[in-house]
N, C-alpha and C. Protein backbone atom coordinates (compact mmCIF):
# COMPACT_ATOMS: atom_id res chain seq x y z
N MET A 1 11.29 27.09 83.34
CA MET A 1 10.22 28.54 83.81
C MET A 1 9.14 28.23 83.10
N THR A 2 8.00 28.57 84.24
CA THR A 2 6.57 28.74 83.69
C THR A 2 6.18 29.85 82.58
N THR A 3 5.28 29.71 82.06
CA THR A 3 4.61 31.04 81.40
C THR A 3 5.04 31.97 81.78
N MET A 4 4.25 31.92 83.81
CA MET A 4 3.81 33.23 84.46
C MET A 4 5.73 33.61 84.82
N ASP A 5 5.84 32.86 84.91
CA ASP A 5 7.30 32.87 85.69
C ASP A 5 7.89 34.15 84.43
N TYR A 6 8.15 33.44 83.12
CA TYR A 6 8.19 33.92 82.17
C TYR A 6 8.18 35.27 81.54
N ALA A 7 6.89 35.73 81.57
CA ALA A 7 5.73 36.72 81.54
C ALA A 7 6.31 37.71 82.57
N THR A 8 6.25 37.23 84.11
CA THR A 8 7.24 38.37 85.08
C THR A 8 8.49 38.82 84.61
N TYR A 9 9.07 38.25 84.42
CA TYR A 9 10.65 38.16 83.90
C TYR A 9 10.92 39.32 83.16
N ILE A 10 9.85 38.94 82.01
CA ILE A 10 9.99 40.04 80.54
C ILE A 10 9.50 41.11 81.24
N ALA A 11 9.12 41.24 81.73
CA ALA A 11 7.80 42.27 82.24
C ALA A 11 9.00 43.24 83.21
N GLY A 12 10.17 42.34 83.92
CA GLY A 12 10.59 43.29 84.99
C GLY A 12 12.03 43.55 84.18
N LEU A 13 12.39 43.51 82.81
CA LEU A 13 13.34 44.42 81.75
C LEU A 13 13.55 45.65 82.03
N PRO A 14 14.77 46.05 81.60
CA PRO A 14 14.31 47.58 81.35
C PRO A 14 14.27 47.79 80.27
N ARG A 15 13.76 48.99 80.23
CA ARG A 15 13.37 49.18 78.94
C ARG A 15 14.07 50.28 77.66
N VAL A 16 13.98 50.35 76.42
CA VAL A 16 15.12 51.56 75.59
C VAL A 16 14.21 52.01 74.56
N ILE A 17 14.55 52.94 74.71
CA ILE A 17 13.96 53.81 73.47
C ILE A 17 14.88 53.36 72.67
N ALA A 18 14.39 53.26 70.76
CA ALA A 18 15.04 52.76 70.00
C ALA A 18 14.41 54.39 68.86
N GLY A 19 15.10 54.87 68.13
CA GLY A 19 14.98 56.08 67.15
C GLY A 19 15.96 55.32 66.25
N ALA A 20 15.64 56.16 64.70
CA ALA A 20 16.37 55.78 63.38
C ALA A 20 15.97 57.52 62.85
N GLY A 21 17.05 58.11 62.23
CA GLY A 21 17.16 59.31 61.04
C GLY A 21 18.02 58.69 60.20
N THR A 22 17.53 59.63 59.16
CA THR A 22 18.23 59.10 57.45
C THR A 22 19.45 60.64 57.34
N VAL A 23 20.49 60.48 56.89
CA VAL A 23 21.22 61.23 56.58
C VAL A 23 21.02 61.54 55.44
N PHE A 24 20.49 62.88 53.99
CA PHE A 24 20.43 62.88 53.38
C PHE A 24 21.44 64.08 52.89
N ARG A 25 22.21 63.60 51.76
CA ARG A 25 22.59 65.06 50.97
C ARG A 25 22.45 65.32 49.55
N ASP A 26 22.95 66.60 49.24
CA ASP A 26 22.55 67.21 47.60
C ASP A 26 24.31 66.96 47.14
N ALA A 27 23.87 67.32 46.08
CA ALA A 27 25.27 67.22 44.62
C ALA A 27 26.05 67.83 45.79
N ARG A 28 26.13 68.81 45.99
CA ARG A 28 26.81 69.78 46.64
C ARG A 28 27.49 69.57 48.04
N GLY A 29 27.10 68.43 48.38
CA GLY A 29 27.28 67.64 50.13
C GLY A 29 26.86 68.38 51.49
N ARG A 30 25.74 69.31 50.88
CA ARG A 30 25.55 69.57 52.15
C ARG A 30 24.30 68.48 52.96
N ILE A 31 24.11 68.94 53.93
CA ILE A 31 23.27 68.00 54.95
C ILE A 31 21.85 68.08 54.95
N LEU A 32 20.67 67.61 54.67
CA LEU A 32 19.18 68.29 54.48
C LEU A 32 19.17 68.00 56.32
N LEU A 33 18.85 68.68 57.08
CA LEU A 33 18.26 69.06 58.15
C LEU A 33 16.37 69.51 58.60
N VAL A 34 16.00 68.97 59.58
CA VAL A 34 14.99 70.05 59.27
C VAL A 34 14.89 70.50 60.50
N GLU A 35 13.76 71.63 61.33
CA GLU A 35 13.08 72.38 62.03
C GLU A 35 12.15 71.52 62.82
N PRO A 36 12.01 71.00 64.27
CA PRO A 36 10.89 70.80 64.31
C PRO A 36 10.24 71.69 65.04
N ASN A 37 9.46 71.29 65.39
CA ASN A 37 8.22 72.17 66.62
C ASN A 37 8.54 72.34 67.97
N TYR A 38 9.24 71.32 68.61
CA TYR A 38 9.06 70.45 69.61
C TYR A 38 10.57 70.98 70.49
N ARG A 39 11.22 71.60 69.72
CA ARG A 39 12.75 71.36 70.89
C ARG A 39 13.60 72.60 69.45
N ASP A 40 14.74 73.52 70.06
CA ASP A 40 15.21 74.41 69.76
C ASP A 40 16.40 74.47 69.41
N THR A 41 16.34 72.95 68.80
CA THR A 41 18.03 72.82 67.73
C THR A 41 17.33 72.16 66.39
N TRP A 42 18.01 71.91 65.44
CA TRP A 42 17.56 71.03 64.67
C TRP A 42 17.74 69.57 64.24
N ILE A 43 17.36 68.55 63.61
CA ILE A 43 17.80 67.74 63.61
C ILE A 43 17.67 66.66 62.45
N LEU A 44 18.12 65.59 62.12
CA LEU A 44 17.38 64.70 61.05
C LEU A 44 16.81 64.12 60.72
N PRO A 45 15.65 64.09 59.55
CA PRO A 45 14.31 63.36 59.65
C PRO A 45 14.98 62.12 60.23
N GLY A 46 14.00 61.77 60.79
CA GLY A 46 13.87 60.73 61.57
C GLY A 46 12.81 60.39 62.53
N GLY A 47 12.80 59.71 63.89
CA GLY A 47 11.78 59.52 65.29
C GLY A 47 11.85 58.09 65.22
N THR A 48 10.98 58.05 65.98
CA THR A 48 11.12 56.94 66.66
C THR A 48 10.59 54.93 66.41
N VAL A 49 10.69 54.43 66.14
CA VAL A 49 10.97 52.97 65.88
C VAL A 49 9.75 52.34 66.92
N GLU A 50 8.60 51.95 66.34
CA GLU A 50 7.59 51.29 66.43
C GLU A 50 7.67 49.97 66.67
N SER A 51 8.04 49.62 67.89
CA SER A 51 8.66 48.20 68.02
C SER A 51 7.19 47.15 68.54
N ASP A 52 6.04 48.21 68.71
CA ASP A 52 5.12 47.31 68.49
C ASP A 52 4.37 46.86 67.51
N THR A 53 4.29 47.81 66.42
CA THR A 53 4.12 47.20 65.02
C THR A 53 5.51 45.83 64.67
N GLY A 54 6.64 45.70 65.22
CA GLY A 54 7.37 44.68 64.97
C GLY A 54 8.15 45.77 63.53
N GLU A 55 8.15 46.60 63.70
CA GLU A 55 9.08 48.27 63.01
C GLU A 55 10.87 48.00 63.00
N SER A 56 11.87 48.08 61.84
CA SER A 56 12.67 47.94 62.39
C SER A 56 13.67 49.31 62.91
N PRO A 57 14.09 49.35 62.90
CA PRO A 57 15.05 50.93 62.95
C PRO A 57 14.86 51.52 61.33
N ARG A 58 15.37 50.61 60.07
CA ARG A 58 15.24 50.39 58.96
C ARG A 58 14.04 51.26 58.85
N GLN A 59 13.23 50.34 58.67
CA GLN A 59 11.63 50.25 58.60
C GLN A 59 11.14 52.05 59.79
N ALA A 60 11.65 52.09 60.12
CA ALA A 60 11.13 53.24 61.24
C ALA A 60 12.06 54.53 60.36
N ALA A 61 13.18 54.66 60.00
CA ALA A 61 13.65 55.63 59.16
C ALA A 61 13.25 55.96 58.20
N ARG A 62 12.75 54.98 56.97
CA ARG A 62 12.23 55.43 56.00
C ARG A 62 10.47 55.75 56.15
N ARG A 63 10.09 55.27 56.74
CA ARG A 63 8.83 55.82 57.69
C ARG A 63 9.37 56.78 57.53
N GLU A 64 9.29 57.33 58.89
CA GLU A 64 8.98 58.74 59.34
C GLU A 64 10.27 59.87 58.44
N THR A 65 10.52 59.86 57.64
CA THR A 65 11.26 60.30 56.58
C THR A 65 10.32 60.36 55.42
N ALA A 66 9.46 59.62 55.41
CA ALA A 66 7.90 60.11 54.10
C ALA A 66 7.21 60.27 54.75
N GLU A 67 7.25 59.99 56.69
CA GLU A 67 6.21 61.27 56.35
C GLU A 67 5.73 62.47 56.92
N GLU A 68 7.50 62.58 57.29
CA GLU A 68 8.23 63.86 57.81
C GLU A 68 8.77 64.77 56.30
N ILE A 69 9.16 64.06 55.76
CA ILE A 69 8.98 65.22 54.46
C ILE A 69 8.88 64.58 53.27
N GLY A 70 8.32 63.46 52.84
CA GLY A 70 7.11 63.43 52.12
C GLY A 70 8.16 62.85 51.07
N LEU A 71 9.15 62.19 51.12
CA LEU A 71 9.86 61.53 50.65
C LEU A 71 10.24 59.66 51.14
N ASP A 72 9.66 59.04 50.40
CA ASP A 72 9.84 57.34 50.45
C ASP A 72 11.13 57.11 49.58
N VAL A 73 12.34 56.76 50.29
CA VAL A 73 13.77 56.52 49.88
C VAL A 73 13.44 55.42 50.41
N GLU A 74 14.62 54.71 49.57
CA GLU A 74 15.20 52.95 49.92
C GLU A 74 16.44 53.79 50.39
N LEU A 75 16.66 53.44 51.55
CA LEU A 75 17.97 53.55 52.52
C LEU A 75 18.94 53.04 52.11
N GLY A 76 20.38 53.33 52.31
CA GLY A 76 21.56 52.51 51.82
C GLY A 76 22.27 52.83 53.13
N ALA A 77 23.29 52.50 53.88
CA ALA A 77 23.79 51.58 54.88
C ALA A 77 23.61 52.02 55.97
N LEU A 78 23.92 51.01 56.48
CA LEU A 78 23.44 51.93 58.37
C LEU A 78 25.54 52.31 58.48
N LEU A 79 24.81 54.04 59.23
CA LEU A 79 26.14 54.24 59.27
C LEU A 79 26.78 54.84 60.29
N ALA A 80 25.77 54.68 61.75
CA ALA A 80 26.08 54.64 62.93
C ALA A 80 24.70 54.39 64.06
N VAL A 81 24.88 53.25 65.19
CA VAL A 81 24.90 53.33 66.16
C VAL A 81 25.01 54.00 67.45
N ASP A 82 24.31 54.62 68.17
CA ASP A 82 24.69 55.42 69.63
C ASP A 82 23.73 54.55 70.23
N TRP A 83 24.52 54.28 71.59
CA TRP A 83 24.00 54.20 72.75
C TRP A 83 23.85 55.18 73.63
N VAL A 84 22.88 56.07 73.62
CA VAL A 84 22.27 56.98 74.60
C VAL A 84 21.99 57.52 75.98
N ARG A 85 23.29 57.06 76.65
CA ARG A 85 22.32 57.33 77.96
C ARG A 85 21.32 58.40 78.76
N GLY A 86 20.36 57.61 79.24
CA GLY A 86 19.00 58.63 80.00
C GLY A 86 19.07 59.25 81.31
N LYS A 87 18.87 60.24 81.26
CA LYS A 87 18.66 60.63 83.15
C LYS A 87 17.36 60.50 83.48
N GLU A 88 16.89 61.08 82.91
CA GLU A 88 14.99 61.53 83.28
C GLU A 88 14.26 60.29 81.79
N ARG A 89 15.08 59.60 81.15
CA ARG A 89 14.50 58.37 80.43
C ARG A 89 14.70 57.34 80.32
N PRO A 90 14.37 56.65 79.68
CA PRO A 90 15.30 54.95 79.38
C PRO A 90 16.07 55.88 78.49
N PRO A 91 17.50 54.47 78.71
CA PRO A 91 18.14 55.12 77.05
C PRO A 91 17.88 54.60 76.03
N LEU A 92 18.40 55.54 75.16
CA LEU A 92 18.14 55.71 73.58
C LEU A 92 18.81 54.68 72.74
N VAL A 93 18.24 54.01 72.07
CA VAL A 93 20.06 53.84 70.61
C VAL A 93 18.94 54.85 69.88
N SER A 94 19.90 55.11 69.16
CA SER A 94 19.81 55.95 67.70
C SER A 94 20.50 54.95 66.40
N TYR A 95 19.52 55.09 65.90
CA TYR A 95 20.59 54.50 64.08
C TYR A 95 19.95 55.41 63.52
N LEU A 96 21.36 56.10 62.49
CA LEU A 96 21.34 56.55 61.58
C LEU A 96 21.62 55.92 60.03
N PHE A 97 21.04 55.96 58.70
CA PHE A 97 21.51 55.09 57.56
C PHE A 97 21.37 56.53 56.60
N ASP A 98 22.09 56.00 55.47
CA ASP A 98 22.74 56.60 54.18
C ASP A 98 21.41 56.61 54.03
N GLY A 99 20.88 58.30 53.34
CA GLY A 99 19.51 58.32 52.29
C GLY A 99 20.05 58.68 51.21
N GLY A 100 21.47 58.95 51.21
CA GLY A 100 21.93 59.23 49.73
C GLY A 100 21.79 60.56 49.44
N VAL A 101 21.95 61.11 47.99
CA VAL A 101 22.40 61.82 47.61
C VAL A 101 20.57 62.16 46.73
N LEU A 102 20.02 63.56 47.09
CA LEU A 102 18.84 64.00 47.06
C LEU A 102 19.20 64.58 45.65
N ASP A 103 18.44 64.20 44.44
CA ASP A 103 18.60 65.06 43.16
C ASP A 103 17.60 66.20 43.34
N GLU A 104 17.55 67.33 42.35
CA GLU A 104 16.69 68.50 42.23
C GLU A 104 15.09 68.01 42.37
N ALA A 105 14.90 67.12 41.71
CA ALA A 105 13.48 66.65 41.53
C ALA A 105 13.27 65.97 42.65
N GLN A 106 13.76 65.82 43.72
CA GLN A 106 13.86 65.19 45.05
C GLN A 106 13.42 66.06 45.90
N LEU A 107 14.12 66.80 45.68
CA LEU A 107 14.61 68.46 46.68
C LEU A 107 12.78 68.98 46.66
N ALA A 108 12.58 68.55 45.13
CA ALA A 108 11.40 70.25 44.92
C ALA A 108 10.50 69.61 45.46
N ALA A 109 10.71 67.83 46.13
CA ALA A 109 9.18 67.27 45.95
C ALA A 109 8.98 67.42 47.55
N ILE A 110 9.85 67.75 47.97
CA ILE A 110 9.87 67.65 49.72
C ILE A 110 8.80 68.25 50.23
N ARG A 111 8.01 67.42 51.20
CA ARG A 111 6.39 68.40 51.38
C ARG A 111 6.62 67.89 53.16
N LEU A 112 6.81 69.17 54.12
CA LEU A 112 6.78 68.99 55.48
C LEU A 112 5.56 68.43 56.35
N GLN A 113 5.74 68.16 57.40
CA GLN A 113 4.89 67.06 57.79
C GLN A 113 4.57 68.71 59.15
N GLU A 114 3.20 69.67 58.82
CA GLU A 114 3.13 70.54 59.37
C GLU A 114 3.10 70.38 60.72
N GLU A 115 2.77 69.65 61.64
CA GLU A 115 1.84 68.83 62.86
C GLU A 115 3.28 68.62 63.60
N GLU A 116 4.74 68.41 62.94
CA GLU A 116 5.84 68.62 64.11
C GLU A 116 6.95 69.16 63.02
N LEU A 117 7.02 69.83 61.97
CA LEU A 117 8.26 70.69 61.25
C LEU A 117 7.42 72.02 60.75
N LEU A 118 8.66 72.95 61.43
CA LEU A 118 8.44 74.71 60.63
C LEU A 118 9.42 74.70 59.57
N SER A 119 10.08 73.93 59.00
CA SER A 119 10.88 74.06 57.91
C SER A 119 12.18 72.86 57.62
N TRP A 120 13.17 73.00 56.39
CA TRP A 120 14.11 72.00 56.30
C TRP A 120 15.08 73.45 55.37
N ARG A 121 16.61 72.59 55.42
CA ARG A 121 17.03 73.16 55.21
C ARG A 121 18.47 73.00 54.81
N LEU A 122 19.47 72.77 53.68
CA LEU A 122 20.56 72.08 52.98
C LEU A 122 21.49 72.94 53.49
N VAL A 123 22.39 72.35 54.56
CA VAL A 123 24.05 73.09 54.49
C VAL A 123 24.79 72.45 54.79
N HIS A 124 25.83 72.88 54.60
CA HIS A 124 27.50 72.70 54.97
C HIS A 124 27.46 72.15 55.90
N TRP A 125 28.51 71.24 56.27
CA TRP A 125 28.40 70.58 58.16
C TRP A 125 29.03 71.94 59.10
N ASP A 126 30.18 73.00 58.96
CA ASP A 126 30.31 73.95 59.41
C ASP A 126 29.12 74.67 59.41
N GLU A 127 28.08 74.87 59.45
CA GLU A 127 26.88 75.39 59.54
C GLU A 127 25.83 74.32 60.61
N ALA A 128 25.18 73.21 59.80
CA ALA A 128 25.01 72.15 60.57
C ALA A 128 25.27 71.76 61.80
N GLU A 129 26.92 71.81 62.03
CA GLU A 129 27.18 71.66 63.76
C GLU A 129 26.84 72.62 64.76
N THR A 130 26.52 73.85 63.91
CA THR A 130 26.37 75.28 65.03
C THR A 130 24.69 74.89 65.08
N MET A 131 23.89 73.67 64.34
CA MET A 131 22.40 74.13 64.51
C MET A 131 21.76 73.27 65.12
N VAL A 132 22.78 72.51 65.58
CA VAL A 132 22.15 70.48 66.38
C VAL A 132 22.48 70.56 67.94
N SER A 133 22.14 69.75 68.27
CA SER A 133 22.08 69.22 69.88
C SER A 133 24.40 68.58 69.60
N ALA A 134 24.31 68.74 70.81
CA ALA A 134 25.37 68.11 70.63
C ALA A 134 25.56 66.80 70.46
N GLY A 135 25.11 65.84 70.85
CA GLY A 135 24.35 64.42 70.50
C GLY A 135 24.85 64.29 69.65
N MET A 136 23.53 64.98 68.74
CA MET A 136 23.18 64.83 67.56
C MET A 136 24.62 65.26 66.13
N ARG A 137 24.98 66.66 66.80
CA ARG A 137 26.33 66.68 66.05
C ARG A 137 27.41 65.74 66.65
N LEU A 138 27.73 64.82 67.49
CA LEU A 138 28.80 63.94 67.44
C LEU A 138 28.37 62.46 66.71
N ARG A 139 26.94 62.37 66.71
CA ARG A 139 26.03 60.69 66.19
C ARG A 139 26.23 61.42 64.15
N ILE A 140 26.58 62.66 63.86
CA ILE A 140 26.30 63.11 62.09
C ILE A 140 27.09 62.54 62.21
N ARG A 141 28.13 63.13 63.33
CA ARG A 141 29.88 63.88 62.32
C ARG A 141 30.12 62.24 62.18
N ALA A 142 30.15 61.23 63.30
CA ALA A 142 29.98 59.69 62.67
C ALA A 142 29.92 58.91 61.43
N ALA A 143 28.53 60.06 61.45
CA ALA A 143 27.96 59.31 60.05
C ALA A 143 28.43 59.77 59.05
N LEU A 144 28.79 60.83 59.27
CA LEU A 144 29.81 61.56 57.70
C LEU A 144 31.17 60.55 57.90
N ASP A 145 32.42 60.43 58.68
CA ASP A 145 32.79 60.16 58.87
C ASP A 145 32.93 58.66 58.29
N ALA A 146 32.23 57.40 58.64
CA ALA A 146 31.48 56.56 58.05
C ALA A 146 31.26 56.72 56.33
N LEU A 147 30.73 57.69 55.75
CA LEU A 147 30.81 57.81 53.88
C LEU A 147 31.53 57.89 54.02
N ASP A 148 32.56 59.16 54.17
CA ASP A 148 33.54 59.05 54.28
C ASP A 148 35.02 58.62 53.79
N THR A 149 34.86 57.52 54.78
CA THR A 149 36.18 56.72 54.93
C THR A 149 35.60 54.99 54.46
N GLY A 150 34.06 55.04 54.28
CA GLY A 150 33.59 53.69 54.01
C GLY A 150 33.84 52.48 54.80
N ARG A 151 34.10 52.42 55.81
CA ARG A 151 34.82 51.70 57.11
C ARG A 151 33.21 50.98 57.70
N GLY A 152 32.15 51.39 57.48
CA GLY A 152 31.28 50.85 57.97
C GLY A 152 30.75 51.13 58.98
N PRO A 153 29.74 51.11 59.81
CA PRO A 153 28.84 51.66 60.49
C PRO A 153 29.61 52.12 62.36
N ALA A 154 29.89 53.16 62.64
CA ALA A 154 30.68 53.46 63.66
C ALA A 154 29.88 53.51 65.21
N GLU A 155 30.43 52.84 66.37
CA GLU A 155 29.68 52.22 67.08
C GLU A 155 29.81 53.40 68.09
N LEU A 156 28.88 53.85 68.93
CA LEU A 156 29.00 55.01 69.70
C LEU A 156 28.55 54.81 71.21
N GLU A 157 29.00 55.34 71.88
CA GLU A 157 28.43 55.18 73.58
C GLU A 157 28.19 57.14 73.69
N ASP A 158 27.06 57.57 73.69
CA ASP A 158 26.73 58.94 73.85
C ASP A 158 27.74 60.13 72.96
N GLY A 159 27.47 59.34 72.05
CA GLY A 159 28.17 59.94 70.82
C GLY A 159 29.86 60.20 70.61
N LEU A 160 29.99 59.11 71.05
CA LEU A 160 31.41 58.53 71.07
C LEU A 160 32.44 57.14 70.90
N PRO A 161 33.18 56.98 70.29
CA PRO A 161 33.68 55.61 70.76
C PRO A 161 33.99 55.20 71.70
N PRO A 162 33.23 53.94 72.13
CA PRO A 162 33.80 53.46 73.28
C PRO A 162 34.33 53.18 73.16
N GLN A 163 35.30 52.90 74.98
CA GLN A 163 36.89 52.62 75.29
C GLN A 163 36.81 51.23 74.72
N GLY A 164 38.16 51.38 74.20
CA GLY A 164 39.21 50.28 73.60
C GLY A 164 37.99 49.62 72.35
N ALA A 165 37.43 50.49 71.27
CA ALA A 165 36.55 50.33 70.25
C ALA A 165 37.96 50.43 69.30
N ALA A 166 38.77 51.37 69.29
CA ALA A 166 39.52 52.17 68.18
C ALA A 166 40.53 50.52 68.29
N GLN A 167 41.25 49.88 69.73
CA GLN A 167 41.95 48.93 69.61
C GLN A 167 40.98 48.07 69.28
N ARG A 168 40.15 47.60 69.73
CA ARG A 168 39.84 46.65 69.22
C ARG A 168 39.77 46.40 67.66
N SER A 169 39.11 47.35 66.84
CA SER A 169 39.11 47.14 65.26
C SER A 169 40.40 47.18 64.64
N THR A 170 41.73 47.74 65.21
CA THR A 170 42.72 47.43 64.95
C THR A 170 43.61 46.55 64.97
N SER A 171 42.85 45.74 65.87
CA SER A 171 43.83 44.59 66.21
C SER A 171 43.06 43.35 65.62
N GLY A 172 42.56 43.64 65.58
CA GLY A 172 41.72 42.12 65.36
C GLY A 172 41.38 41.81 63.82
């Protein structure tokens, strides 16, 4: 394949958006959610992976967390990966990382990025699930289950385990 053929091939490949977020908790087990000014539901701190800079999903989650809430925290394990099909946008791959348990000093140091966020709250799961979108609810639940069980990251498609994933993980 010539250089020109390869460039044409690459240009014709489908595009995928990548996003990364962080699951923070406090000592009481509450989840940190932020209220963006550009949608009706609450979300986790995070945002788009800037692939043009060579940024990885982990780097994006850390950068976005620092930008959005002023905390630069070393992230823990990958908790969930979700392939989200798009109807009016390219597909999205969403990565959720463990931000750990924030102490009182870290919570007091939170400073919102006012260009994008209105507020933040710590909420128990039963309240959080009423505040976030359906897709975010499924992703966060899978991430919390991964934390609880220690079984590693959840593989999701549109928020749910893909067909056959449970059988593959228990039979191999």
